[in-house]
Amino acid sequence: MIEPLLKLSDVHTHVGPYHILHGVYFDIPEGELTMLLGRNGAGKTTTLRTIMGLWKASSGEIRFGEKDITAMSTPDIARSGIAYVPESMGIFTDLTVRENIVLAARSGPVDSARLDWILGLLPALKRFWNLPAGNLSGGQKQMLAIARAIAEPRRLLLVDEPTKGLAPVMVRSMIEAFKALKAAGETILLVEQSFYAASALGDNVLVMDDGRIVHSGAMSDLVADKALQQRLLGLSLDAHQ
């Protein structure tokens, strides 16, 4: 049996006085895109932040490959091969698109072949290469945030709601970019509110409610089962096309 790239076992997280994650278990298989779905406030963002060490797990274990990263610092977790794209995107609006990407490569200049690959995935960035990132639209800023995350090779990409607030044309562009990342063999854990985007991208799905994983399985099975969609998420794909 192939070991998962990322494994959470009975992870609890407290943020101040609040107990947010209540014993989270899941595995992320290598080379696949796993969706993390759930209603607002279910604990999805807290899960990503806990994996990255931005909020420390109160108990439980987080393993990345052969390594226990539960108590590691965020910089060390990043150096181990995990990239994180928060909902806030975390770009430098006063710097150019080029400068944003160059700064994201901590170990030295971005390899030219890799840069060509990134711009092939996200061609809109080419048009704004020497312009301040603050001039970009919301969707273009999200693409820049993803480009920054993959400026260096990573083993795992965590992305928090990349299509939130985007126009439909930008949502479609974002879906195509993630399809290209999937085709390149990237391992991705992606939080989404859009079931349309989730159904187009996910190999696997985790559904979270009240700080626990209440469903895991193939994304295709959830897409085919409208009653399960309604029970878990209060929606159906038909209403979100």
C-alpha atoms as a PDB file:
ATOM      1  CA  MET A   1       0.000   0.000   0.000  1.00  0.00           C
ATOM      2  CA  ILE A   2       1.393   3.398  -1.034  1.00  0.00           C
ATOM      3  CA  GLU A   3       1.944   5.780   1.870  1.00  0.00           C
ATOM      4  CA  PRO A   4       0.136   9.143   1.591  1.00  0.00           C
ATOM      5  CA  LEU A   5       2.194  12.282   1.038  1.00  0.00           C
ATOM      6  CA  LEU A   6       0.352  14.065   3.869  1.00  0.00           C
ATOM      7  CA  LYS A   7      -1.405  12.420   6.790  1.00  0.00           C
ATOM      8  CA  LEU A   8      -3.376  14.039   9.629  1.00  0.00           C
ATOM      9  CA  SER A   9      -4.193  11.848  12.634  1.00  0.00           C
ATOM     10  CA  ASP A  10      -6.557  13.042  15.383  1.00  0.00           C
ATOM     11  CA  VAL A  11      -5.550  16.682  14.952  1.00  0.00           C
ATOM     12  CA  HIS A  12      -7.091  19.189  17.356  1.00  0.00           C
ATOM     13  CA  THR A  13      -6.519  22.931  17.062  1.00  0.00           C
ATOM     14  CA  HIS A  14      -7.440  25.680  19.497  1.00  0.00           C
ATOM     15  CA  VAL A  15      -7.365  29.334  18.429  1.00  0.00           C
ATOM     16  CA  GLY A  16      -7.438  31.376  21.605  1.00  0.00           C
ATOM     17  CA  PRO A  17     -10.332  30.046  23.680  1.00  0.00           C
ATOM     18  CA  TYR A  18     -11.965  28.364  20.676  1.00  0.00           C
ATOM     19  CA  HIS A  19     -11.645  24.655  19.892  1.00  0.00           C
ATOM     20  CA  ILE A  20     -11.799  24.689  16.062  1.00  0.00           C
ATOM     21  CA  LEU A  21     -10.561  21.277  14.892  1.00  0.00           C
ATOM     22  CA  HIS A  22     -12.001  18.288  16.752  1.00  0.00           C
ATOM     23  CA  GLY A  23      -9.902  15.275  15.827  1.00  0.00           C
ATOM     24  CA  VAL A  24      -9.239  15.581  12.091  1.00  0.00           C
ATOM     25  CA  TYR A  25      -8.121  12.499  10.182  1.00  0.00           C
ATOM     26  CA  PHE A  26      -7.295  12.390   6.470  1.00  0.00           C
ATOM     27  CA  ASP A  27      -4.690  11.285   3.916  1.00  0.00           C
ATOM     28  CA  ILE A  28      -3.562  13.184   0.821  1.00  0.00           C
ATOM     29  CA  PRO A  29      -2.321  10.891  -1.968  1.00  0.00           C
ATOM     30  CA  GLU A  30       0.665  12.022  -3.998  1.00  0.00           C
ATOM     31  CA  GLY A  31       0.095  13.291  -7.538  1.00  0.00           C
ATOM     32  CA  GLU A  32      -3.630  13.970  -7.101  1.00  0.00           C
ATOM     33  CA  LEU A  33      -5.866  16.956  -6.412  1.00  0.00           C
ATOM     34  CA  THR A  34      -7.937  16.661  -3.248  1.00  0.00           C
ATOM     35  CA  MET A  35     -10.795  19.068  -2.562  1.00  0.00           C
ATOM     36  CA  LEU A  36     -11.603  20.177   0.984  1.00  0.00           C
ATOM     37  CA  LEU A  37     -15.236  21.291   1.074  1.00  0.00           C
ATOM     38  CA  GLY A  38     -17.632  22.420   3.754  1.00  0.00           C
ATOM     39  CA  ARG A  39     -19.880  25.218   4.898  1.00  0.00           C
ATOM     40  CA  ASN A  40     -18.465  28.543   6.121  1.00  0.00           C
ATOM     41  CA  GLY A  41     -16.932  28.134   9.559  1.00  0.00           C
ATOM     42  CA  ALA A  42     -16.448  24.378   9.210  1.00  0.00           C
ATOM     43  CA  GLY A  43     -12.697  24.611   9.864  1.00  0.00           C
ATOM     44  CA  LYS A  44     -11.228  24.414   6.360  1.00  0.00           C
ATOM     45  CA  THR A  45      -8.909  27.413   6.582  1.00  0.00           C
ATOM     46  CA  THR A  46      -7.887  26.404  10.102  1.00  0.00           C
ATOM     47  CA  THR A  47      -6.899  23.016   8.688  1.00  0.00           C
ATOM     48  CA  LEU A  48      -4.576  24.590   6.100  1.00  0.00           C
ATOM     49  CA  ARG A  49      -3.109  26.996   8.636  1.00  0.00           C
ATOM     50  CA  THR A  50      -2.508  24.132  11.068  1.00  0.00           C
ATOM     51  CA  ILE A  51      -0.701  22.095   8.405  1.00  0.00           C
ATOM     52  CA  MET A  52       1.530  25.114   7.735  1.00  0.00           C
ATOM     53  CA  GLY A  53       2.218  25.663  11.434  1.00  0.00           C
ATOM     54  CA  LEU A  54       0.645  29.123  11.423  1.00  0.00           C
ATOM     55  CA  TRP A  55      -1.654  27.798  14.136  1.00  0.00           C
ATOM     56  CA  LYS A  56      -0.201  24.977  16.183  1.00  0.00           C
ATOM     57  CA  ALA A  57      -2.075  21.724  16.633  1.00  0.00           C
ATOM     58  CA  SER A  58      -3.074  21.239  20.276  1.00  0.00           C
ATOM     59  CA  SER A  59      -2.729  17.473  19.861  1.00  0.00           C
ATOM     60  CA  GLY A  60      -2.541  14.820  17.175  1.00  0.00           C
ATOM     61  CA  GLU A  61       0.036  14.298  14.444  1.00  0.00           C
ATOM     62  CA  ILE A  62       0.725  15.754  11.011  1.00  0.00           C
ATOM     63  CA  ARG A  63       3.121  13.737   8.840  1.00  0.00           C
ATOM     64  CA  PHE A  64       4.563  14.923   5.547  1.00  0.00           C
ATOM     65  CA  GLY A  65       6.251  12.049   3.803  1.00  0.00           C
ATOM     66  CA  GLU A  66       8.440  10.407   6.425  1.00  0.00           C
ATOM     67  CA  LYS A  67       8.608  13.521   8.592  1.00  0.00           C
ATOM     68  CA  ASP A  68       6.520  14.554  11.606  1.00  0.00           C
ATOM     69  CA  ILE A  69       5.901  18.274  10.996  1.00  0.00           C
ATOM     70  CA  THR A  70       3.381  18.820  13.812  1.00  0.00           C
ATOM     71  CA  ALA A  71       5.661  20.987  15.952  1.00  0.00           C
ATOM     72  CA  MET A  72       7.839  22.427  13.176  1.00  0.00           C
ATOM     73  CA  SER A  73       8.025  26.153  12.464  1.00  0.00           C
ATOM     74  CA  THR A  74       6.284  27.557   9.401  1.00  0.00           C
ATOM     75  CA  PRO A  75       9.577  28.386   7.594  1.00  0.00           C
ATOM     76  CA  ASP A  76      10.832  24.846   8.171  1.00  0.00           C
ATOM     77  CA  ILE A  77       7.548  23.388   6.915  1.00  0.00           C
ATOM     78  CA  ALA A  78       7.835  25.538   3.792  1.00  0.00           C
ATOM     79  CA  ARG A  79      11.429  24.443   3.274  1.00  0.00           C
ATOM     80  CA  SER A  80      10.344  20.808   3.534  1.00  0.00           C
ATOM     81  CA  GLY A  81       8.353  21.266   0.321  1.00  0.00           C
ATOM     82  CA  ILE A  82       4.894  22.650   1.155  1.00  0.00           C
ATOM     83  CA  ALA A  83       3.624  25.879  -0.431  1.00  0.00           C
ATOM     84  CA  TYR A  84       0.574  27.763   0.825  1.00  0.00           C
ATOM     85  CA  VAL A  85      -1.648  30.211  -1.068  1.00  0.00           C
ATOM     86  CA  PRO A  86      -3.905  31.910   1.497  1.00  0.00           C
ATOM     87  CA  GLU A  87      -7.246  33.460   0.662  1.00  0.00           C
ATOM     88  CA  SER A  88      -5.607  36.877   1.131  1.00  0.00           C
ATOM     89  CA  MET A  89      -3.133  35.872  -1.635  1.00  0.00           C
ATOM     90  CA  GLY A  90      -0.128  37.500   0.083  1.00  0.00           C
ATOM     91  CA  ILE A  91       1.302  39.337  -2.930  1.00  0.00           C
ATOM     92  CA  PHE A  92       3.286  42.585  -2.851  1.00  0.00           C
ATOM     93  CA  THR A  93       1.083  45.101  -4.665  1.00  0.00           C
ATOM     94  CA  ASP A  94       3.788  47.775  -5.046  1.00  0.00           C
ATOM     95  CA  LEU A  95       6.206  45.350  -6.718  1.00  0.00           C
ATOM     96  CA  THR A  96       5.981  44.201 -10.311  1.00  0.00           C
ATOM     97  CA  VAL A  97       4.746  40.770 -11.303  1.00  0.00           C
ATOM     98  CA  ARG A  98       8.349  39.812 -12.103  1.00  0.00           C
ATOM     99  CA  GLU A  99       9.635  41.026  -8.735  1.00  0.00           C
ATOM    100  CA  ASN A 100       6.910  39.116  -6.883  1.00  0.00           C
ATOM    101  CA  ILE A 101       7.923  35.866  -8.536  1.00  0.00           C
ATOM    102  CA  VAL A 102      11.669  36.482  -8.176  1.00  0.00           C
ATOM    103  CA  LEU A 103      11.294  37.158  -4.439  1.00  0.00           C
ATOM    104  CA  ALA A 104       9.354  33.919  -3.981  1.00  0.00           C
ATOM    105  CA  ALA A 105      12.351  31.834  -5.087  1.00  0.00           C
ATOM    106  CA  ARG A 106      14.275  31.668  -1.819  1.00  0.00           C
ATOM    107  CA  SER A 107      17.102  29.440  -2.989  1.00  0.00           C
ATOM    108  CA  GLY A 108      18.178  31.651  -5.893  1.00  0.00           C
ATOM    109  CA  PRO A 109      17.051  32.843  -9.341  1.00  0.00           C
ATOM    110  CA  VAL A 110      14.038  31.113 -10.847  1.00  0.00           C
ATOM    111  CA  ASP A 111      15.140  28.490 -13.350  1.00  0.00           C
ATOM    112  CA  SER A 112      14.342  29.824 -16.830  1.00  0.00           C
ATOM    113  CA  ALA A 113      12.715  26.572 -17.934  1.00  0.00           C
ATOM    114  CA  ARG A 114      10.535  26.570 -14.824  1.00  0.00           C
ATOM    115  CA  LEU A 115       9.592  30.215 -15.392  1.00  0.00           C
ATOM    116  CA  ASP A 116       8.536  29.405 -18.959  1.00  0.00           C
ATOM    117  CA  TRP A 117       6.447  26.528 -17.581  1.00  0.00           C
ATOM    118  CA  ILE A 118       4.763  28.782 -14.998  1.00  0.00           C
ATOM    119  CA  LEU A 119       3.952  31.456 -17.578  1.00  0.00           C
ATOM    120  CA  GLY A 120       2.605  28.752 -19.859  1.00  0.00           C
ATOM    121  CA  LEU A 121       0.230  27.725 -17.069  1.00  0.00           C
ATOM    122  CA  LEU A 122      -0.715  31.322 -16.265  1.00  0.00           C
ATOM    123  CA  PRO A 123      -0.276  33.253 -19.536  1.00  0.00           C
ATOM    124  CA  ALA A 124      -2.169  36.343 -18.298  1.00  0.00           C
ATOM    125  CA  LEU A 125       0.849  37.210 -16.154  1.00  0.00           C
ATOM    126  CA  LYS A 126       3.028  37.742 -19.230  1.00  0.00           C
ATOM    127  CA  ARG A 127       1.029  40.841 -20.198  1.00  0.00           C
ATOM    128  CA  PHE A 128       1.664  42.494 -16.842  1.00  0.00           C
ATOM    129  CA  TRP A 129       5.227  41.271 -16.300  1.00  0.00           C
ATOM    130  CA  ASN A 130       6.744  44.703 -15.593  1.00  0.00           C
ATOM    131  CA  LEU A 131       3.677  46.362 -14.076  1.00  0.00           C
ATOM    132  CA  PRO A 132       2.867  46.697 -10.363  1.00  0.00           C
ATOM    133  CA  ALA A 133       0.892  43.725  -9.070  1.00  0.00           C
ATOM    134  CA  GLY A 134      -1.633  46.165  -7.620  1.00  0.00           C
ATOM    135  CA  ASN A 135      -2.802  46.853 -11.187  1.00  0.00           C
ATOM    136  CA  LEU A 136      -4.006  43.272 -11.632  1.00  0.00           C
ATOM    137  CA  SER A 137      -7.611  42.153 -11.377  1.00  0.00           C
ATOM    138  CA  GLY A 138      -8.670  39.861  -8.545  1.00  0.00           C
ATOM    139  CA  GLY A 139      -8.291  36.775 -10.694  1.00  0.00           C
ATOM    140  CA  GLN A 140      -4.910  37.856 -12.023  1.00  0.00           C
ATOM    141  CA  LYS A 141      -3.691  38.496  -8.460  1.00  0.00           C
ATOM    142  CA  GLN A 142      -4.794  34.981  -7.562  1.00  0.00           C
ATOM    143  CA  MET A 143      -2.822  33.611 -10.498  1.00  0.00           C
ATOM    144  CA  LEU A 144       0.224  35.587  -9.348  1.00  0.00           C
ATOM    145  CA  ALA A 145      -0.151  34.125  -5.848  1.00  0.00           C
ATOM    146  CA  ILE A 146      -0.133  30.624  -7.338  1.00  0.00           C
ATOM    147  CA  ALA A 147       2.872  31.485  -9.509  1.00  0.00           C
ATOM    148  CA  ARG A 148       4.738  32.654  -6.392  1.00  0.00           C
ATOM    149  CA  ALA A 149       3.883  29.402  -4.606  1.00  0.00           C
ATOM    150  CA  ILE A 150       5.319  27.268  -7.406  1.00  0.00           C
ATOM    151  CA  ALA A 151       8.322  29.489  -8.261  1.00  0.00           C
ATOM    152  CA  GLU A 152      10.383  26.648  -6.819  1.00  0.00           C
ATOM    153  CA  PRO A 153       9.446  22.962  -7.061  1.00  0.00           C
ATOM    154  CA  ARG A 154       7.144  21.924  -4.215  1.00  0.00           C
ATOM    155  CA  ARG A 155       5.885  18.521  -3.173  1.00  0.00           C
ATOM    156  CA  LEU A 156       2.514  19.826  -1.957  1.00  0.00           C
ATOM    157  CA  LEU A 157       0.457  22.922  -2.760  1.00  0.00           C
ATOM    158  CA  LEU A 158      -2.205  24.158  -0.303  1.00  0.00           C
ATOM    159  CA  VAL A 159      -4.652  26.662  -1.813  1.00  0.00           C
ATOM    160  CA  ASP A 160      -7.469  28.451   0.012  1.00  0.00           C
ATOM    161  CA  GLU A 161     -10.525  29.408  -2.098  1.00  0.00           C
ATOM    162  CA  PRO A 162      -8.801  30.489  -5.334  1.00  0.00           C
ATOM    163  CA  THR A 163     -12.069  31.217  -7.197  1.00  0.00           C
ATOM    164  CA  LYS A 164     -13.780  33.225  -4.443  1.00  0.00           C
ATOM    165  CA  GLY A 165     -15.287  36.441  -5.804  1.00  0.00           C
ATOM    166  CA  LEU A 166     -14.034  35.902  -9.349  1.00  0.00           C
ATOM    167  CA  ALA A 167     -16.031  36.532 -12.501  1.00  0.00           C
ATOM    168  CA  PRO A 168     -17.118  33.365 -14.343  1.00  0.00           C
ATOM    169  CA  VAL A 169     -14.517  33.855 -17.095  1.00  0.00           C
ATOM    170  CA  MET A 170     -11.755  34.036 -14.487  1.00  0.00           C
ATOM    171  CA  VAL A 171     -13.135  30.978 -12.690  1.00  0.00           C
ATOM    172  CA  ARG A 172     -12.826  29.051 -15.947  1.00  0.00           C
ATOM    173  CA  SER A 173      -9.252  30.306 -16.403  1.00  0.00           C
ATOM    174  CA  MET A 174      -8.413  29.236 -12.860  1.00  0.00           C
ATOM    175  CA  ILE A 175      -9.888  25.781 -13.471  1.00  0.00           C
ATOM    176  CA  GLU A 176      -7.747  25.390 -16.596  1.00  0.00           C
ATOM    177  CA  ALA A 177      -4.635  26.424 -14.670  1.00  0.00           C
ATOM    178  CA  PHE A 178      -5.269  23.819 -11.979  1.00  0.00           C
ATOM    179  CA  LYS A 179      -5.978  21.178 -14.623  1.00  0.00           C
ATOM    180  CA  ALA A 180      -2.542  21.923 -16.070  1.00  0.00           C
ATOM    181  CA  LEU A 181      -0.960  21.621 -12.628  1.00  0.00           C
ATOM    182  CA  LYS A 182      -2.709  18.271 -12.172  1.00  0.00           C
ATOM    183  CA  ALA A 183      -1.463  17.089 -15.550  1.00  0.00           C
ATOM    184  CA  ALA A 184       2.067  18.004 -14.454  1.00  0.00           C
ATOM    185  CA  GLY A 185       1.727  15.630 -11.493  1.00  0.00           C
ATOM    186  CA  GLU A 186       1.449  18.258  -8.754  1.00  0.00           C
ATOM    187  CA  THR A 187      -0.109  17.233  -5.420  1.00  0.00           C
ATOM    188  CA  ILE A 188      -2.723  19.776  -4.365  1.00  0.00           C
ATOM    189  CA  LEU A 189      -5.076  20.241  -1.411  1.00  0.00           C
ATOM    190  CA  LEU A 190      -7.600  22.857  -2.447  1.00  0.00           C
ATOM    191  CA  VAL A 191     -10.306  24.532  -0.355  1.00  0.00           C
ATOM    192  CA  GLU A 192     -13.286  25.630  -2.458  1.00  0.00           C
ATOM    193  CA  GLN A 193     -16.764  27.048  -2.001  1.00  0.00           C
ATOM    194  CA  SER A 194     -17.635  26.590  -5.674  1.00  0.00           C
ATOM    195  CA  PHE A 195     -18.967  23.079  -6.205  1.00  0.00           C
ATOM    196  CA  TYR A 196     -18.753  23.706  -9.945  1.00  0.00           C
ATOM    197  CA  ALA A 197     -14.981  24.238  -9.692  1.00  0.00           C
ATOM    198  CA  ALA A 198     -14.606  21.367  -7.223  1.00  0.00           C
ATOM    199  CA  SER A 199     -16.414  18.936  -9.493  1.00  0.00           C
ATOM    200  CA  ALA A 200     -14.299  19.986 -12.479  1.00  0.00           C
ATOM    201  CA  LEU A 201     -10.997  19.514 -10.663  1.00  0.00           C
ATOM    202  CA  GLY A 202     -11.156  17.061  -7.802  1.00  0.00           C
ATOM    203  CA  ASP A 203      -9.807  13.537  -7.874  1.00  0.00           C
ATOM    204  CA  ASN A 204     -10.731  13.090  -4.225  1.00  0.00           C
ATOM    205  CA  VAL A 205     -12.934  15.002  -1.812  1.00  0.00           C
ATOM    206  CA  LEU A 206     -12.980  15.625   1.918  1.00  0.00           C
ATOM    207  CA  VAL A 207     -16.039  17.254   3.473  1.00  0.00           C
ATOM    208  CA  MET A 208     -15.643  19.041   6.774  1.00  0.00           C
ATOM    209  CA  ASP A 209     -18.318  20.041   9.277  1.00  0.00           C
ATOM    210  CA  ASP A 210     -17.862  21.469  12.756  1.00  0.00           C
ATOM    211  CA  GLY A 211     -14.132  20.821  12.758  1.00  0.00           C
ATOM    212  CA  ARG A 212     -14.338  17.161  11.696  1.00  0.00           C
ATOM    213  CA  ILE A 213     -14.092  15.261   8.421  1.00  0.00           C
ATOM    214  CA  VAL A 214     -17.561  13.833   7.844  1.00  0.00           C
ATOM    215  CA  HIS A 215     -17.029  12.371   4.372  1.00  0.00           C
ATOM    216  CA  SER A 216     -14.108  11.271   2.210  1.00  0.00           C
ATOM    217  CA  GLY A 217     -14.042   9.541  -1.145  1.00  0.00           C
ATOM    218  CA  ALA A 218     -13.852  10.021  -4.894  1.00  0.00           C
ATOM    219  CA  MET A 219     -15.047  13.392  -6.176  1.00  0.00           C
ATOM    220  CA  SER A 220     -16.899  11.640  -8.991  1.00  0.00           C
ATOM    221  CA  ASP A 221     -19.021   9.721  -6.476  1.00  0.00           C
ATOM    222  CA  LEU A 222     -20.100  12.935  -4.736  1.00  0.00           C
ATOM    223  CA  VAL A 223     -20.883  14.595  -8.078  1.00  0.00           C
ATOM    224  CA  ALA A 224     -23.130  11.644  -9.004  1.00  0.00           C
ATOM    225  CA  ASP A 225     -25.034  11.620  -5.697  1.00  0.00           C
ATOM    226  CA  LYS A 226     -27.266  14.692  -5.382  1.00  0.00           C
ATOM    227  CA  ALA A 227     -28.824  13.477  -2.153  1.00  0.00           C
ATOM    228  CA  LEU A 228     -25.358  13.198  -0.596  1.00  0.00           C
ATOM    229  CA  GLN A 229     -24.468  16.680  -1.845  1.00  0.00           C
ATOM    230  CA  GLN A 230     -27.589  18.067  -0.209  1.00  0.00           C
ATOM    231  CA  ARG A 231     -26.960  16.258   3.069  1.00  0.00           C
ATOM    232  CA  LEU A 232     -23.307  17.191   3.356  1.00  0.00           C
ATOM    233  CA  LEU A 233     -23.206  20.633   1.815  1.00  0.00           C
ATOM    234  CA  GLY A 234     -26.769  21.863   1.518  1.00  0.00           C
ATOM    235  CA  LEU A 235     -26.433  22.152  -2.238  1.00  0.00           C
ATOM    236  CA  SER A 236     -26.576  20.246  -5.477  1.00  0.00           C
ATOM    237  CA  LEU A 237     -24.405  20.597  -8.534  1.00  0.00           C
ATOM    238  CA  ASP A 238     -27.429  21.475 -10.692  1.00  0.00           C
ATOM    239  CA  ALA A 239     -27.891  24.700  -8.728  1.00  0.00           C
ATOM    240  CA  HIS A 240     -24.259  25.754  -9.176  1.00  0.00           C
ATOM    241  CA  GLN A 241     -23.576  25.357 -12.860  1.00  0.00           C
END
